[in-house]
């Protein structure tokens, strides 16, 4: 799946079949279901990609202190762009690993 196809899937009523769990989290986030996305991030705490997703989600929530904790756990720098840019960055990253 390309980034463009993933973006287009956001308007569908459910995530596409075969989508990785991390991409499902971003799909839920884009559809305003932060809780579903956060549950996915929490499901594998201690795993770098999940911790990185967790950092982004706490940034979405507006909790920069907690986001900073998760960026550190993920071994990542704090993302300096917009939330939209970070979502796209993560989507592209997770698509490469899918």
N, C-alpha and C. Protein backbone atom coordinates (compact mmCIF):
# COMPACT_ATOMS: atom_id res chain seq x y z
N UNK A 1 0.85 -1.17 0.00
CA UNK A 1 0.00 0.00 0.00
C UNK A 1 0.89 1.24 0.00
N UNK A 2 0.51 2.23 -0.78
CA UNK A 2 1.25 3.48 -0.81
C UNK A 2 0.70 4.43 0.25
N UNK A 3 1.44 5.49 0.51
CA UNK A 3 1.00 6.49 1.46
C UNK A 3 -0.32 7.11 0.99
N UNK A 4 -0.41 7.37 -0.30
CA UNK A 4 -1.63 7.97 -0.86
C UNK A 4 -2.83 7.04 -0.67
N UNK A 5 -2.64 5.76 -0.90
CA UNK A 5 -3.72 4.79 -0.70
C UNK A 5 -4.14 4.73 0.77
N UNK A 6 -3.14 4.80 1.64
CA UNK A 6 -3.45 4.79 3.07
C UNK A 6 -4.26 6.03 3.44
N UNK A 7 -3.83 7.18 2.96
CA UNK A 7 -4.57 8.42 3.23
C UNK A 7 -6.00 8.32 2.73
N UNK A 8 -6.19 7.77 1.55
CA UNK A 8 -7.53 7.63 0.98
C UNK A 8 -8.40 6.70 1.82
N UNK A 9 -7.77 5.71 2.46
CA UNK A 9 -8.53 4.75 3.26
C UNK A 9 -9.14 5.39 4.50
N UNK A 10 -8.64 6.56 4.88
CA UNK A 10 -9.14 7.24 6.08
C UNK A 10 -10.63 7.54 5.96
N UNK A 11 -11.11 7.74 4.75
CA UNK A 11 -12.54 8.07 4.55
C UNK A 11 -13.43 6.83 4.57
N UNK A 12 -12.85 5.65 4.61
CA UNK A 12 -13.63 4.41 4.66
C UNK A 12 -14.19 4.21 6.07
N UNK A 13 -15.24 3.40 6.20
CA UNK A 13 -15.85 3.20 7.53
C UNK A 13 -15.03 2.33 8.48
N UNK A 14 -14.06 1.59 7.95
CA UNK A 14 -13.22 0.72 8.77
C UNK A 14 -11.84 0.65 8.14
N UNK A 15 -10.82 0.31 8.94
CA UNK A 15 -9.48 0.18 8.37
C UNK A 15 -9.46 -0.93 7.31
N UNK A 16 -8.64 -0.77 6.28
CA UNK A 16 -8.54 -1.81 5.25
C UNK A 16 -8.07 -3.14 5.84
N UNK A 17 -8.55 -4.21 5.28
CA UNK A 17 -8.10 -5.55 5.71
C UNK A 17 -6.61 -5.68 5.39
N UNK A 18 -5.90 -6.36 6.26
CA UNK A 18 -4.48 -6.60 6.05
C UNK A 18 -3.58 -5.47 6.50
N UNK A 19 -4.16 -4.41 7.03
CA UNK A 19 -3.37 -3.28 7.51
C UNK A 19 -2.62 -3.68 8.77
N UNK A 20 -1.36 -3.27 8.88
CA UNK A 20 -0.60 -3.58 10.09
C UNK A 20 -1.25 -2.91 11.30
N UNK A 21 -0.97 -3.43 12.48
CA UNK A 21 -1.56 -2.90 13.71
C UNK A 21 -1.16 -1.44 13.91
N UNK A 22 0.11 -1.11 13.65
CA UNK A 22 0.57 0.27 13.84
C UNK A 22 -0.16 1.22 12.89
N UNK A 23 -0.37 0.78 11.65
CA UNK A 23 -1.11 1.62 10.71
C UNK A 23 -2.58 1.73 11.10
N UNK A 24 -3.13 0.67 11.69
CA UNK A 24 -4.51 0.75 12.19
C UNK A 24 -4.61 1.82 13.26
N UNK A 25 -3.60 1.92 14.10
CA UNK A 25 -3.61 2.95 15.14
C UNK A 25 -3.65 4.33 14.51
N UNK A 26 -2.82 4.57 13.50
CA UNK A 26 -2.83 5.87 12.82
C UNK A 26 -4.15 6.11 12.11
N UNK A 27 -4.73 5.04 11.56
CA UNK A 27 -6.05 5.15 10.90
C UNK A 27 -7.09 5.61 11.93
N UNK A 28 -7.09 4.98 13.10
CA UNK A 28 -8.05 5.35 14.15
C UNK A 28 -7.81 6.80 14.60
N UNK A 29 -6.56 7.17 14.77
CA UNK A 29 -6.24 8.53 15.18
C UNK A 29 -6.78 9.53 14.15
N UNK A 30 -6.57 9.25 12.88
CA UNK A 30 -7.04 10.15 11.83
C UNK A 30 -8.55 10.24 11.79
N UNK A 31 -9.21 9.24 12.31
CA UNK A 31 -10.68 9.22 12.35
C UNK A 31 -11.22 9.67 13.71
N UNK A 32 -10.37 10.27 14.51
CA UNK A 32 -10.82 10.85 15.77
C UNK A 32 -11.00 9.87 16.91
N UNK A 33 -10.50 8.65 16.75
CA UNK A 33 -10.63 7.67 17.82
C UNK A 33 -9.27 7.50 18.51
N UNK A 34 -8.91 8.53 19.28
CA UNK A 34 -7.63 8.52 19.98
C UNK A 34 -7.52 7.33 20.92
N UNK A 35 -8.61 6.99 21.57
CA UNK A 35 -8.60 5.90 22.55
C UNK A 35 -8.21 4.57 21.89
N UNK A 36 -8.78 4.26 20.74
CA UNK A 36 -8.43 3.02 20.03
C UNK A 36 -6.96 3.03 19.64
N UNK A 37 -6.49 4.17 19.16
CA UNK A 37 -5.07 4.28 18.78
C UNK A 37 -4.18 4.11 20.00
N UNK A 38 -4.56 4.73 21.10
CA UNK A 38 -3.76 4.64 22.32
C UNK A 38 -3.73 3.22 22.88
N UNK A 39 -4.85 2.53 22.80
CA UNK A 39 -4.89 1.13 23.25
C UNK A 39 -3.90 0.28 22.46
N UNK A 40 -3.79 0.54 21.17
CA UNK A 40 -2.82 -0.20 20.35
C UNK A 40 -1.40 0.14 20.81
N UNK A 41 -1.12 1.41 21.01
CA UNK A 41 0.23 1.83 21.45
C UNK A 41 0.59 1.17 22.78
N UNK A 42 -0.36 1.07 23.69
CA UNK A 42 -0.11 0.47 25.00
C UNK A 42 0.02 -1.05 24.94
N UNK A 43 -0.46 -1.65 23.88
CA UNK A 43 -0.49 -3.12 23.81
C UNK A 43 0.89 -3.76 23.74
N UNK A 44 1.89 -2.99 23.32
CA UNK A 44 3.24 -3.55 23.22
C UNK A 44 4.28 -2.54 23.71
N UNK A 45 4.00 -1.98 24.89
CA UNK A 45 4.96 -1.05 25.48
C UNK A 45 6.32 -1.72 25.57
N UNK A 46 7.37 -0.93 25.36
CA UNK A 46 8.72 -1.46 25.39
C UNK A 46 9.21 -1.88 24.01
N UNK A 47 8.33 -1.83 23.01
CA UNK A 47 8.69 -2.11 21.63
C UNK A 47 8.84 -0.76 20.93
N UNK A 48 9.99 -0.51 20.32
CA UNK A 48 10.32 0.81 19.80
C UNK A 48 9.22 1.43 18.94
N UNK A 49 8.70 0.76 17.92
CA UNK A 49 7.68 1.42 17.09
C UNK A 49 6.41 1.78 17.88
N UNK A 50 6.03 0.94 18.81
CA UNK A 50 4.84 1.21 19.62
C UNK A 50 5.09 2.37 20.58
N UNK A 51 6.30 2.43 21.15
CA UNK A 51 6.64 3.54 22.03
C UNK A 51 6.70 4.84 21.23
N UNK A 52 7.18 4.77 20.00
CA UNK A 52 7.24 5.97 19.15
C UNK A 52 5.83 6.46 18.83
N UNK A 53 4.93 5.52 18.50
CA UNK A 53 3.53 5.85 18.27
C UNK A 53 2.93 6.46 19.53
N UNK A 54 3.25 5.89 20.67
CA UNK A 54 2.74 6.36 21.96
C UNK A 54 3.14 7.82 22.19
N UNK A 55 4.39 8.16 21.85
CA UNK A 55 4.86 9.54 21.99
C UNK A 55 4.01 10.48 21.15
N UNK A 56 3.81 10.12 19.90
CA UNK A 56 2.98 10.94 19.00
C UNK A 56 1.57 11.13 19.58
N UNK A 57 0.98 10.06 20.06
CA UNK A 57 -0.40 10.14 20.55
C UNK A 57 -0.52 11.05 21.78
N UNK A 58 0.50 11.04 22.64
CA UNK A 58 0.45 11.94 23.79
C UNK A 58 0.68 13.38 23.35
N UNK A 59 1.41 13.56 22.28
CA UNK A 59 1.54 14.90 21.71
C UNK A 59 0.19 15.37 21.17
N UNK A 60 -0.53 14.47 20.50
CA UNK A 60 -1.88 14.79 20.01
C UNK A 60 -2.76 15.21 21.18
N UNK A 61 -2.64 14.48 22.26
CA UNK A 61 -3.45 14.74 23.46
C UNK A 61 -3.09 16.09 24.09
N UNK A 62 -1.92 16.60 23.77
CA UNK A 62 -1.47 17.85 24.37
C UNK A 62 -0.62 17.67 25.60
N UNK A 63 -0.26 16.43 25.91
CA UNK A 63 0.54 16.11 27.09
C UNK A 63 2.02 15.99 26.67
N UNK A 64 2.68 17.15 26.54
CA UNK A 64 4.05 17.14 26.04
C UNK A 64 5.03 16.49 27.02
N UNK A 65 4.75 16.57 28.31
CA UNK A 65 5.62 15.92 29.29
C UNK A 65 5.61 14.41 29.07
N UNK A 66 4.42 13.83 28.99
CA UNK A 66 4.30 12.39 28.78
C UNK A 66 4.83 12.00 27.40
N UNK A 67 4.58 12.83 26.39
CA UNK A 67 5.12 12.56 25.06
C UNK A 67 6.64 12.47 25.12
N UNK A 68 7.27 13.40 25.85
CA UNK A 68 8.72 13.39 25.97
C UNK A 68 9.24 12.10 26.56
N UNK A 69 8.53 11.59 27.55
CA UNK A 69 8.89 10.31 28.16
C UNK A 69 8.88 9.21 27.10
N UNK A 70 7.85 9.16 26.27
CA UNK A 70 7.73 8.09 25.27
C UNK A 70 8.73 8.27 24.12
N UNK A 71 9.05 9.51 23.76
CA UNK A 71 10.11 9.71 22.76
C UNK A 71 11.42 9.14 23.30
N UNK A 72 11.72 9.42 24.57
CA UNK A 72 12.96 8.89 25.15
C UNK A 72 12.94 7.37 25.17
N UNK A 73 11.82 6.78 25.58
CA UNK A 73 11.73 5.31 25.62
C UNK A 73 11.92 4.71 24.24
N UNK A 74 11.45 5.43 23.22
CA UNK A 74 11.58 4.94 21.84
C UNK A 74 12.96 5.23 21.26
N UNK A 75 13.79 5.98 21.99
CA UNK A 75 15.11 6.34 21.49
C UNK A 75 15.03 7.34 20.35
N UNK A 76 14.02 8.20 20.38
CA UNK A 76 13.79 9.16 19.30
C UNK A 76 13.89 10.59 19.81
N UNK A 77 14.25 11.46 18.91
CA UNK A 77 14.19 12.89 19.19
C UNK A 77 12.73 13.33 19.21
N UNK A 78 12.43 14.36 19.96
CA UNK A 78 11.09 14.93 19.94
C UNK A 78 10.85 15.50 18.54
N UNK A 79 9.73 15.16 17.95
CA UNK A 79 9.40 15.62 16.61
C UNK A 79 9.12 17.12 16.67
N UNK A 80 9.71 17.88 15.77
CA UNK A 80 9.59 19.34 15.81
C UNK A 80 8.57 19.90 14.82
N UNK A 81 8.03 19.07 13.94
CA UNK A 81 7.05 19.55 12.98
C UNK A 81 5.65 19.53 13.55
N UNK A 82 4.68 19.75 12.69
CA UNK A 82 3.28 19.75 13.10
C UNK A 82 2.81 18.32 13.36
N UNK A 83 1.67 18.21 14.00
CA UNK A 83 1.08 16.88 14.22
C UNK A 83 0.78 16.20 12.90
N UNK A 84 0.30 16.95 11.93
CA UNK A 84 0.02 16.39 10.60
C UNK A 84 1.30 15.85 9.96
N UNK A 85 2.39 16.59 10.10
CA UNK A 85 3.67 16.13 9.56
C UNK A 85 4.17 14.88 10.27
N UNK A 86 3.97 14.84 11.58
CA UNK A 86 4.41 13.67 12.33
C UNK A 86 3.57 12.45 11.96
N UNK A 87 2.26 12.63 11.79
CA UNK A 87 1.39 11.54 11.37
C UNK A 87 1.88 10.98 10.03
N UNK A 88 2.18 11.86 9.08
CA UNK A 88 2.66 11.42 7.76
C UNK A 88 4.01 10.72 7.88
N UNK A 89 4.89 11.25 8.73
CA UNK A 89 6.19 10.62 8.95
C UNK A 89 6.02 9.19 9.46
N UNK A 90 5.16 9.04 10.48
CA UNK A 90 4.95 7.71 11.05
C UNK A 90 4.26 6.78 10.05
N UNK A 91 3.30 7.29 9.33
CA UNK A 91 2.61 6.45 8.34
C UNK A 91 3.62 5.93 7.32
N UNK A 92 4.46 6.79 6.82
CA UNK A 92 5.48 6.35 5.84
C UNK A 92 6.45 5.36 6.47
N UNK A 93 6.85 5.61 7.71
CA UNK A 93 7.75 4.70 8.41
C UNK A 93 7.11 3.32 8.57
N UNK A 94 5.86 3.29 9.03
CA UNK A 94 5.17 2.02 9.27
C UNK A 94 4.83 1.31 7.95
N UNK A 95 4.59 2.07 6.90
CA UNK A 95 4.33 1.45 5.59
C UNK A 95 5.58 0.73 5.08
N UNK A 96 6.75 1.31 5.32
CA UNK A 96 8.00 0.67 4.90
C UNK A 96 8.24 -0.65 5.63
N UNK A 97 7.76 -0.73 6.88
CA UNK A 97 7.99 -1.92 7.69
C UNK A 97 6.89 -2.96 7.50
N UNK A 98 5.84 -2.57 6.79
CA UNK A 98 4.69 -3.50 6.63
C UNK A 98 5.00 -4.58 5.62
